[in-house]
């Protein structure tokens, strides 16, 4: 239906397809919300240069202690862990 319409670029093609999409308005709203969330997540990940997600198991006691340390110092949990690791490396005299 829209293949014969000339548009300047893919962005305008997407708008045209979206506008002519025969779907309920609630479906379109959900689609827009999911696109916005995906774009926000992409922007967040793009800013995380030099960082990589890490996953490991901790005892509930250690999790509670980490949470307490983060609250007491007013910094995120990952900052607490990075600080503890850096301090231990310095204490051991390990060269980076």
C-alpha atoms as a PDB file:
ATOM      1  CA  UNK A   1       0.000   0.000   0.000  1.00  0.00           C
ATOM      2  CA  UNK A   2       2.818   2.417   0.784  1.00  0.00           C
ATOM      3  CA  UNK A   3       5.503   0.897  -1.429  1.00  0.00           C
ATOM      4  CA  UNK A   4       4.702   3.271  -4.290  1.00  0.00           C
ATOM      5  CA  UNK A   5       4.969   6.367  -2.061  1.00  0.00           C
ATOM      6  CA  UNK A   6       8.301   8.190  -2.329  1.00  0.00           C
ATOM      7  CA  UNK A   7       9.844   9.272   0.986  1.00  0.00           C
ATOM      8  CA  UNK A   8      13.107  11.050   1.802  1.00  0.00           C
ATOM      9  CA  UNK A   9      14.529   8.479   4.194  1.00  0.00           C
ATOM     10  CA  UNK A  10      13.765   5.456   6.359  1.00  0.00           C
ATOM     11  CA  UNK A  11      12.531   7.596   9.254  1.00  0.00           C
ATOM     12  CA  UNK A  12       9.750   9.067   7.133  1.00  0.00           C
ATOM     13  CA  UNK A  13       9.003   5.624   5.712  1.00  0.00           C
ATOM     14  CA  UNK A  14       8.568   4.330   9.263  1.00  0.00           C
ATOM     15  CA  UNK A  15       6.225   7.213  10.102  1.00  0.00           C
ATOM     16  CA  UNK A  16       4.183   6.531   6.984  1.00  0.00           C
ATOM     17  CA  UNK A  17       3.901   2.830   7.768  1.00  0.00           C
ATOM     18  CA  UNK A  18       2.995   3.577  11.385  1.00  0.00           C
ATOM     19  CA  UNK A  19       0.352   6.124  10.396  1.00  0.00           C
ATOM     20  CA  UNK A  20      -1.260   3.765   7.897  1.00  0.00           C
ATOM     21  CA  UNK A  21      -1.028   0.751  10.235  1.00  0.00           C
ATOM     22  CA  UNK A  22      -4.501  -0.665  10.739  1.00  0.00           C
ATOM     23  CA  UNK A  23      -4.262  -1.345  14.464  1.00  0.00           C
ATOM     24  CA  UNK A  24      -6.126  -0.283  17.577  1.00  0.00           C
ATOM     25  CA  UNK A  25      -4.856   2.910  19.206  1.00  0.00           C
ATOM     26  CA  UNK A  26      -3.952   1.004  22.404  1.00  0.00           C
ATOM     27  CA  UNK A  27      -1.780  -1.349  20.345  1.00  0.00           C
ATOM     28  CA  UNK A  28      -0.020   1.619  18.789  1.00  0.00           C
ATOM     29  CA  UNK A  29       0.527   3.182  22.230  1.00  0.00           C
ATOM     30  CA  UNK A  30       2.068  -0.051  23.550  1.00  0.00           C
ATOM     31  CA  UNK A  31       4.285  -0.248  20.471  1.00  0.00           C
ATOM     32  CA  UNK A  32       5.483   3.347  20.978  1.00  0.00           C
ATOM     33  CA  UNK A  33       6.173   2.675  24.678  1.00  0.00           C
ATOM     34  CA  UNK A  34       8.231  -0.411  23.873  1.00  0.00           C
ATOM     35  CA  UNK A  35      10.237   1.494  21.246  1.00  0.00           C
ATOM     36  CA  UNK A  36      10.907   4.316  23.732  1.00  0.00           C
ATOM     37  CA  UNK A  37      12.026   1.847  26.401  1.00  0.00           C
ATOM     38  CA  UNK A  38      14.325   0.057  23.968  1.00  0.00           C
ATOM     39  CA  UNK A  39      15.852   3.353  22.836  1.00  0.00           C
ATOM     40  CA  UNK A  40      16.360   4.512  26.436  1.00  0.00           C
ATOM     41  CA  UNK A  41      18.075   1.210  27.231  1.00  0.00           C
ATOM     42  CA  UNK A  42      20.329   1.563  24.172  1.00  0.00           C
ATOM     43  CA  UNK A  43      21.325   5.114  25.189  1.00  0.00           C
ATOM     44  CA  UNK A  44      22.098   3.896  28.721  1.00  0.00           C
ATOM     45  CA  UNK A  45      24.227   1.011  27.448  1.00  0.00           C
ATOM     46  CA  UNK A  46      26.077   3.274  25.023  1.00  0.00           C
ATOM     47  CA  UNK A  47      27.144   5.468  27.972  1.00  0.00           C
ATOM     48  CA  UNK A  48      28.603   2.488  29.850  1.00  0.00           C
ATOM     49  CA  UNK A  49      32.013   2.702  28.170  1.00  0.00           C
ATOM     50  CA  UNK A  50      34.685   0.730  30.020  1.00  0.00           C
ATOM     51  CA  UNK A  51      32.106  -1.165  32.048  1.00  0.00           C
ATOM     52  CA  UNK A  52      30.811  -4.662  31.640  1.00  0.00           C
ATOM     53  CA  UNK A  53      27.972  -6.355  33.421  1.00  0.00           C
ATOM     54  CA  UNK A  54      28.984  -9.091  35.822  1.00  0.00           C
ATOM     55  CA  UNK A  55      26.891 -11.725  37.549  1.00  0.00           C
ATOM     56  CA  UNK A  56      27.802 -13.872  40.528  1.00  0.00           C
ATOM     57  CA  UNK A  57      26.207 -15.349  43.632  1.00  0.00           C
ATOM     58  CA  UNK A  58      26.556 -13.771  47.075  1.00  0.00           C
ATOM     59  CA  UNK A  59      25.210 -14.976  50.379  1.00  0.00           C
ATOM     60  CA  UNK A  60      22.222 -13.081  51.716  1.00  0.00           C
ATOM     61  CA  UNK A  61      24.406 -11.834  54.581  1.00  0.00           C
ATOM     62  CA  UNK A  62      26.928 -10.344  52.132  1.00  0.00           C
ATOM     63  CA  UNK A  63      24.132  -8.764  50.088  1.00  0.00           C
ATOM     64  CA  UNK A  64      22.716  -7.147  53.219  1.00  0.00           C
ATOM     65  CA  UNK A  65      26.158  -5.902  54.247  1.00  0.00           C
ATOM     66  CA  UNK A  66      26.822  -4.510  50.767  1.00  0.00           C
ATOM     67  CA  UNK A  67      23.476  -2.720  50.829  1.00  0.00           C
ATOM     68  CA  UNK A  68      24.279  -1.281  54.267  1.00  0.00           C
ATOM     69  CA  UNK A  69      27.711  -0.058  53.130  1.00  0.00           C
ATOM     70  CA  UNK A  70      26.173   1.553  50.040  1.00  0.00           C
ATOM     71  CA  UNK A  71      23.538   3.316  52.141  1.00  0.00           C
ATOM     72  CA  UNK A  72      26.053   4.495  54.757  1.00  0.00           C
ATOM     73  CA  UNK A  73      28.401   5.923  52.125  1.00  0.00           C
ATOM     74  CA  UNK A  74      25.634   7.154  49.832  1.00  0.00           C
ATOM     75  CA  UNK A  75      27.044   5.484  46.723  1.00  0.00           C
ATOM     76  CA  UNK A  76      25.826   2.650  44.486  1.00  0.00           C
ATOM     77  CA  UNK A  77      26.707  -0.937  45.315  1.00  0.00           C
ATOM     78  CA  UNK A  78      29.023  -1.284  42.333  1.00  0.00           C
ATOM     79  CA  UNK A  79      31.124   1.627  43.646  1.00  0.00           C
ATOM     80  CA  UNK A  80      31.495  -0.159  46.985  1.00  0.00           C
ATOM     81  CA  UNK A  81      32.642  -3.358  45.275  1.00  0.00           C
ATOM     82  CA  UNK A  82      35.073  -1.513  43.002  1.00  0.00           C
ATOM     83  CA  UNK A  83      36.515   0.360  45.974  1.00  0.00           C
ATOM     84  CA  UNK A  84      36.972  -2.819  48.000  1.00  0.00           C
ATOM     85  CA  UNK A  85      38.679  -4.563  45.070  1.00  0.00           C
ATOM     86  CA  UNK A  86      40.979  -1.606  44.385  1.00  0.00           C
ATOM     87  CA  UNK A  87      41.928  -1.322  48.065  1.00  0.00           C
ATOM     88  CA  UNK A  88      42.747  -5.040  48.251  1.00  0.00           C
ATOM     89  CA  UNK A  89      44.896  -4.823  45.098  1.00  0.00           C
ATOM     90  CA  UNK A  90      46.797  -1.880  46.616  1.00  0.00           C
ATOM     91  CA  UNK A  91      47.163  -3.711  49.926  1.00  0.00           C
ATOM     92  CA  UNK A  92      48.648  -6.745  48.164  1.00  0.00           C
ATOM     93  CA  UNK A  93      50.935  -4.546  46.070  1.00  0.00           C
ATOM     94  CA  UNK A  94      49.755  -6.072  42.813  1.00  0.00           C
ATOM     95  CA  UNK A  95      50.803  -4.137  39.714  1.00  0.00           C
ATOM     96  CA  UNK A  96      48.033  -3.488  37.214  1.00  0.00           C
END
